[in-house]
Amino acid sequence: MLALEVALMSDRGGRKYNEDACGHWHSRQHLCCVLADGAGGHGGGDIASKLAVQELIGRFSLQPSERAAELDGLLRVTNDVLIAQREPGTPRQDMHSTVVCLVIDFIQHRAHWAHSGDSRMYWFREGRVLDRTRDHSLVQGLVDSGVLTADQVRNHPKRSELRSALGIAPEVLEVTAGEGREAVQAGDVFMLCTDGLWEYLDDAVLEATLAAAPNPGAWLGELAAAVRKAAAHKASHDNFSALTVWTRAANPP
């Protein structure tokens, strides 16, 4: 059995609204973490992201997924709910949201996840990135085809153009779901984050700050400070949020 410690942070950045949302829920076997980055303007984005988090956690708590394919289905149902909640002539009329959801079975030492958009899940082992999600974005497609390198994504003028996010027609919604190829080990660290964070912090910074951090909250504090420093030249820099889960061996009863 694994013991888990969770920490989260969300910052408005240089924007009038914080359109990010995140949350978590646990049972006697599962931890479900969700992070979302809304869009829609005039407050619609914050409604969309909160709705995505609430719907996913609420539905997961009623019927926890055991496999990635089931979590894929939960994201698609959440997409239907978000579309149904739109109201013409209000901030809800064009709301969308990226979303990433991570589930850890801390009894069986398994992890699975699903996402749509460019909010990410990172999995660290021994302080190094072991796995992460791949964005549903124009620039990720250019990386996949060899036109761009991963490092060029952060500064590309079309970095924020998404291929998919919650709020688009179900028949074109892209959801990518995955499962750990290996069992979760004590000492593994997971992080969910919005693009407002990873835009400024590459893998080397994430790994270096993780190595120096004494606990999850301190690590997120260092990441927040690093984003503020890196984005200081940009008065209207994006909201940025992160949720991290640190694992350790549970104490024997």
Protein backbone atom coordinates (compact mmCIF):
# COMPACT_ATOMS: atom_id res chain seq x y z
CA MET A 1 0.00 0.00 0.00
CA LEU A 2 1.13 3.53 -0.78
CA ALA A 3 0.71 6.66 1.30
CA LEU A 4 -0.07 9.77 -0.77
CA GLU A 5 0.45 13.46 -0.07
CA VAL A 6 -1.35 16.00 -2.25
CA ALA A 7 -0.70 19.72 -2.72
CA LEU A 8 -2.13 22.22 -5.17
CA MET A 9 -1.79 25.84 -6.18
CA SER A 10 -3.58 28.12 -8.62
CA ASP A 11 -2.56 31.67 -9.53
CA ARG A 12 -4.38 34.32 -11.55
CA GLY A 13 -1.14 35.45 -13.16
CA GLY A 14 -1.62 38.69 -15.08
CA ARG A 15 -5.24 38.06 -16.02
CA LYS A 16 -8.49 39.51 -14.63
CA TYR A 17 -9.99 36.05 -14.18
CA ASN A 18 -8.51 32.80 -12.98
CA GLU A 19 -10.01 30.31 -15.42
CA ASP A 20 -8.13 27.32 -13.97
CA ALA A 21 -9.67 24.86 -11.53
CA CYS A 22 -8.47 21.72 -9.80
CA GLY A 23 -9.59 19.26 -7.17
CA HIS A 24 -9.22 15.75 -5.83
CA TRP A 25 -11.21 12.98 -4.14
CA HIS A 26 -10.23 9.70 -2.54
CA SER A 27 -11.80 6.49 -1.33
CA ARG A 28 -10.19 3.61 0.56
CA GLN A 29 -8.47 2.54 -2.67
CA HIS A 30 -8.43 5.33 -5.24
CA LEU A 31 -7.26 8.92 -5.52
CA CYS A 32 -8.81 10.91 -8.36
CA CYS A 33 -7.21 14.25 -9.31
CA VAL A 34 -8.59 16.64 -11.91
CA LEU A 35 -7.21 19.89 -13.33
CA ALA A 36 -8.85 22.09 -15.98
CA ASP A 37 -8.11 25.32 -17.86
CA GLY A 38 -11.23 27.08 -19.12
CA ALA A 39 -11.84 29.40 -22.05
CA GLY A 40 -14.85 31.39 -23.12
CA GLY A 41 -14.25 34.98 -22.08
CA HIS A 42 -16.03 37.25 -19.59
CA GLY A 43 -16.05 34.60 -16.89
CA GLY A 44 -17.18 31.72 -19.08
CA GLY A 45 -13.84 29.97 -18.78
CA ASP A 46 -13.92 29.77 -15.01
CA ILE A 47 -17.43 28.32 -15.17
CA ALA A 48 -16.28 25.69 -17.69
CA SER A 49 -13.22 24.61 -15.72
CA LYS A 50 -15.10 24.33 -12.42
CA LEU A 51 -17.85 22.38 -14.14
CA ALA A 52 -15.32 19.98 -15.65
CA VAL A 53 -13.67 19.34 -12.28
CA GLN A 54 -16.95 18.93 -10.40
CA GLU A 55 -18.50 16.63 -13.01
CA LEU A 56 -15.48 14.36 -13.31
CA ILE A 57 -14.91 14.01 -9.58
CA GLY A 58 -18.62 13.56 -8.91
CA ARG A 59 -19.05 10.88 -11.54
CA PHE A 60 -15.83 9.11 -10.58
CA SER A 61 -16.88 8.99 -6.92
CA LEU A 62 -20.09 7.21 -7.90
CA GLN A 63 -18.35 4.64 -10.10
CA PRO A 64 -14.52 4.68 -9.90
CA SER A 65 -12.78 3.75 -13.13
CA GLU A 66 -10.34 0.85 -13.03
CA ARG A 67 -8.92 1.26 -16.53
CA ALA A 68 -8.01 4.11 -18.85
CA ALA A 69 -10.83 3.27 -21.28
CA GLU A 70 -13.41 3.84 -18.54
CA LEU A 71 -11.86 7.21 -17.68
CA ASP A 72 -11.99 8.13 -21.37
CA GLY A 73 -15.74 7.53 -21.18
CA LEU A 74 -16.08 9.77 -18.12
CA LEU A 75 -14.38 12.64 -19.97
CA ARG A 76 -16.73 12.20 -22.91
CA VAL A 77 -19.79 12.29 -20.66
CA THR A 78 -18.40 15.43 -19.02
CA ASN A 79 -18.05 16.98 -22.46
CA ASP A 80 -21.75 16.32 -23.10
CA VAL A 81 -22.66 17.97 -19.79
CA LEU A 82 -20.57 21.06 -20.54
CA ILE A 83 -22.22 21.48 -23.95
CA ALA A 84 -25.67 21.07 -22.37
CA GLN A 85 -24.85 23.82 -19.85
CA ARG A 86 -24.26 26.48 -22.50
CA GLU A 87 -26.63 29.46 -22.53
CA PRO A 88 -26.76 31.81 -25.55
CA GLY A 89 -26.32 35.46 -24.64
CA THR A 90 -24.47 34.67 -21.40
CA PRO A 91 -20.82 33.99 -20.50
CA ARG A 92 -21.69 30.29 -20.87
CA GLN A 93 -22.45 30.53 -24.59
CA ASP A 94 -19.02 29.50 -25.89
CA MET A 95 -17.30 27.92 -22.91
CA HIS A 96 -14.58 25.31 -23.36
CA SER A 97 -12.04 23.72 -21.05
CA THR A 98 -8.97 21.58 -21.26
CA VAL A 99 -8.92 18.79 -18.71
CA VAL A 100 -6.52 16.20 -17.34
CA CYS A 101 -7.53 13.50 -14.86
CA LEU A 102 -5.25 11.13 -12.95
CA VAL A 103 -6.35 8.09 -10.96
CA ILE A 104 -4.01 6.27 -8.57
CA ASP A 105 -4.98 2.92 -7.09
CA PHE A 106 -2.79 3.05 -3.98
CA ILE A 107 -3.65 -0.53 -2.98
CA GLN A 108 -2.73 -2.14 -6.30
CA HIS A 109 -0.01 0.45 -7.12
CA ARG A 110 -1.56 1.31 -10.49
CA ALA A 111 -2.14 4.61 -12.27
CA HIS A 112 -4.24 5.60 -15.26
CA TRP A 113 -5.16 8.95 -16.75
CA ALA A 114 -6.99 10.75 -19.55
CA HIS A 115 -6.88 14.25 -20.98
CA SER A 116 -8.12 16.58 -23.69
CA GLY A 117 -6.27 19.77 -24.65
CA ASP A 118 -2.90 21.00 -23.43
CA SER A 119 -3.12 20.63 -19.66
CA ARG A 120 -0.57 17.97 -18.77
CA MET A 121 0.19 15.05 -16.47
CA TYR A 122 3.84 14.39 -15.56
CA TRP A 123 5.09 11.23 -13.81
CA PHE A 124 8.49 11.48 -12.13
CA ARG A 125 10.62 8.61 -10.88
CA GLU A 126 13.89 9.12 -9.02
CA GLY A 127 13.53 12.81 -9.82
CA ARG A 128 13.34 12.39 -13.60
CA VAL A 129 10.40 12.57 -15.99
CA LEU A 130 9.25 9.00 -16.59
CA ASP A 131 6.14 9.78 -18.64
CA ARG A 132 3.87 12.67 -19.58
CA THR A 133 0.81 13.34 -21.70
CA ARG A 134 1.03 14.75 -25.22
CA ASP A 135 -1.00 17.88 -26.00
CA HIS A 136 -3.90 18.02 -28.42
CA SER A 137 -2.52 21.12 -30.12
CA LEU A 138 -1.32 22.39 -33.47
CA VAL A 139 2.30 22.60 -32.34
CA GLN A 140 2.29 19.10 -30.84
CA GLY A 141 1.23 17.87 -34.25
CA LEU A 142 4.22 19.69 -35.74
CA VAL A 143 6.49 18.04 -33.17
CA ASP A 144 5.03 14.61 -33.95
CA SER A 145 5.68 15.16 -37.67
CA GLY A 146 9.27 16.32 -37.06
CA VAL A 147 8.72 19.95 -38.10
CA LEU A 148 9.40 21.32 -34.60
CA THR A 149 11.44 20.15 -31.64
CA ALA A 150 9.80 19.88 -28.22
CA ASP A 151 11.80 22.89 -27.00
CA GLN A 152 10.44 25.07 -29.82
CA VAL A 153 6.84 24.54 -28.69
CA ARG A 154 7.02 27.01 -25.79
CA ASN A 155 7.82 30.03 -27.96
CA HIS A 156 5.84 29.18 -31.07
CA PRO A 157 3.33 31.94 -32.05
CA LYS A 158 0.55 29.34 -32.42
CA ARG A 159 1.38 27.46 -29.24
CA SER A 160 -2.10 28.02 -27.79
CA GLU A 161 -4.09 26.73 -30.78
CA LEU A 162 -5.79 23.54 -29.65
CA ARG A 163 -7.09 20.65 -31.72
CA SER A 164 -9.41 19.56 -28.93
CA ALA A 165 -10.83 20.47 -25.54
CA LEU A 166 -14.09 19.88 -23.70
CA GLY A 167 -16.90 21.86 -25.29
CA ILE A 168 -16.45 20.76 -28.90
CA ALA A 169 -18.74 18.42 -30.81
CA PRO A 170 -18.56 14.86 -29.46
CA GLU A 171 -17.73 13.40 -32.86
CA VAL A 172 -14.51 15.44 -33.11
CA LEU A 173 -13.50 15.46 -29.43
CA GLU A 174 -10.03 14.00 -28.91
CA VAL A 175 -9.39 12.23 -25.61
CA THR A 176 -6.14 10.39 -24.96
CA ALA A 177 -6.14 7.87 -22.14
CA GLY A 178 -3.14 5.97 -20.79
CA GLU A 179 -2.05 3.51 -18.15
CA GLY A 180 1.26 3.11 -16.41
CA ARG A 181 3.47 0.56 -18.12
CA GLU A 182 4.93 -0.09 -14.68
CA ALA A 183 3.55 -0.25 -11.17
CA VAL A 184 3.62 2.96 -9.16
CA GLN A 185 6.60 2.87 -6.79
CA ALA A 186 7.10 4.55 -3.44
CA GLY A 187 8.88 7.81 -4.16
CA ASP A 188 7.14 8.44 -7.48
CA VAL A 189 5.77 11.95 -7.98
CA PHE A 190 2.88 13.01 -10.24
CA MET A 191 1.98 16.51 -11.34
CA LEU A 192 -0.98 17.90 -13.26
CA CYS A 193 -0.50 21.43 -14.61
CA THR A 194 -1.94 23.98 -17.02
CA ASP A 195 -0.05 25.46 -19.96
CA GLY A 196 0.46 28.66 -17.98
CA LEU A 197 3.02 26.71 -15.95
CA TRP A 198 4.73 24.41 -18.43
CA GLU A 199 5.08 27.23 -20.98
CA TYR A 200 7.79 28.74 -18.78
CA LEU A 201 9.30 25.69 -17.08
CA ASP A 202 11.00 22.95 -19.07
CA ASP A 203 11.72 19.43 -17.84
CA ALA A 204 15.16 20.42 -16.51
CA VAL A 205 13.64 23.08 -14.25
CA LEU A 206 10.90 20.74 -13.06
CA GLU A 207 13.46 18.05 -12.19
CA ALA A 208 15.92 20.43 -10.49
CA THR A 209 13.28 22.07 -8.31
CA LEU A 210 11.78 18.67 -7.44
CA ALA A 211 15.19 17.39 -6.32
CA ALA A 212 15.63 20.36 -3.99
CA ALA A 213 12.11 20.43 -2.53
CA PRO A 214 11.51 19.02 0.98
CA ASN A 215 7.76 18.50 0.47
CA PRO A 216 4.99 18.91 -2.13
CA GLY A 217 3.87 22.35 -1.00
CA ALA A 218 7.41 23.69 -1.07
CA TRP A 219 7.91 22.34 -4.58
CA LEU A 220 4.79 24.05 -5.90
CA GLY A 221 5.90 27.25 -4.19
CA GLU A 222 9.22 27.09 -6.03
CA LEU A 223 7.46 26.43 -9.34
CA ALA A 224 5.14 29.40 -8.79
CA ALA A 225 8.09 31.66 -8.04
CA ALA A 226 9.89 30.41 -11.15
CA VAL A 227 6.86 31.12 -13.36
CA ARG A 228 6.49 34.64 -11.96
CA LYS A 229 10.17 35.33 -12.62
CA ALA A 230 10.11 33.89 -16.13
CA ALA A 231 6.88 35.72 -17.02
CA ALA A 232 7.84 39.06 -15.45
CA HIS A 233 8.26 40.64 -18.89
CA LYS A 234 4.66 39.77 -19.84
CA ALA A 235 2.13 41.77 -17.81
CA SER A 236 -0.85 39.71 -18.98
CA HIS A 237 0.68 36.26 -18.60
CA ASP A 238 -1.73 33.36 -18.24
CA ASN A 239 -3.18 31.82 -15.11
CA PHE A 240 -1.05 28.92 -13.91
CA SER A 241 -2.01 25.97 -11.74
CA ALA A 242 -0.61 22.66 -10.60
CA LEU A 243 -1.60 19.71 -8.45
CA THR A 244 1.03 17.26 -7.27
CA VAL A 245 0.90 13.85 -5.62
CA TRP A 246 3.94 12.48 -3.78
CA THR A 247 3.99 8.79 -2.93
CA ARG A 248 5.75 6.87 -0.17
CA ALA A 249 5.50 3.48 1.45
CA ALA A 250 2.69 3.37 3.97
CA ASN A 251 3.60 2.74 7.57
CA PRO A 252 2.64 -0.78 8.68
CA PRO A 253 -0.54 -0.96 10.81
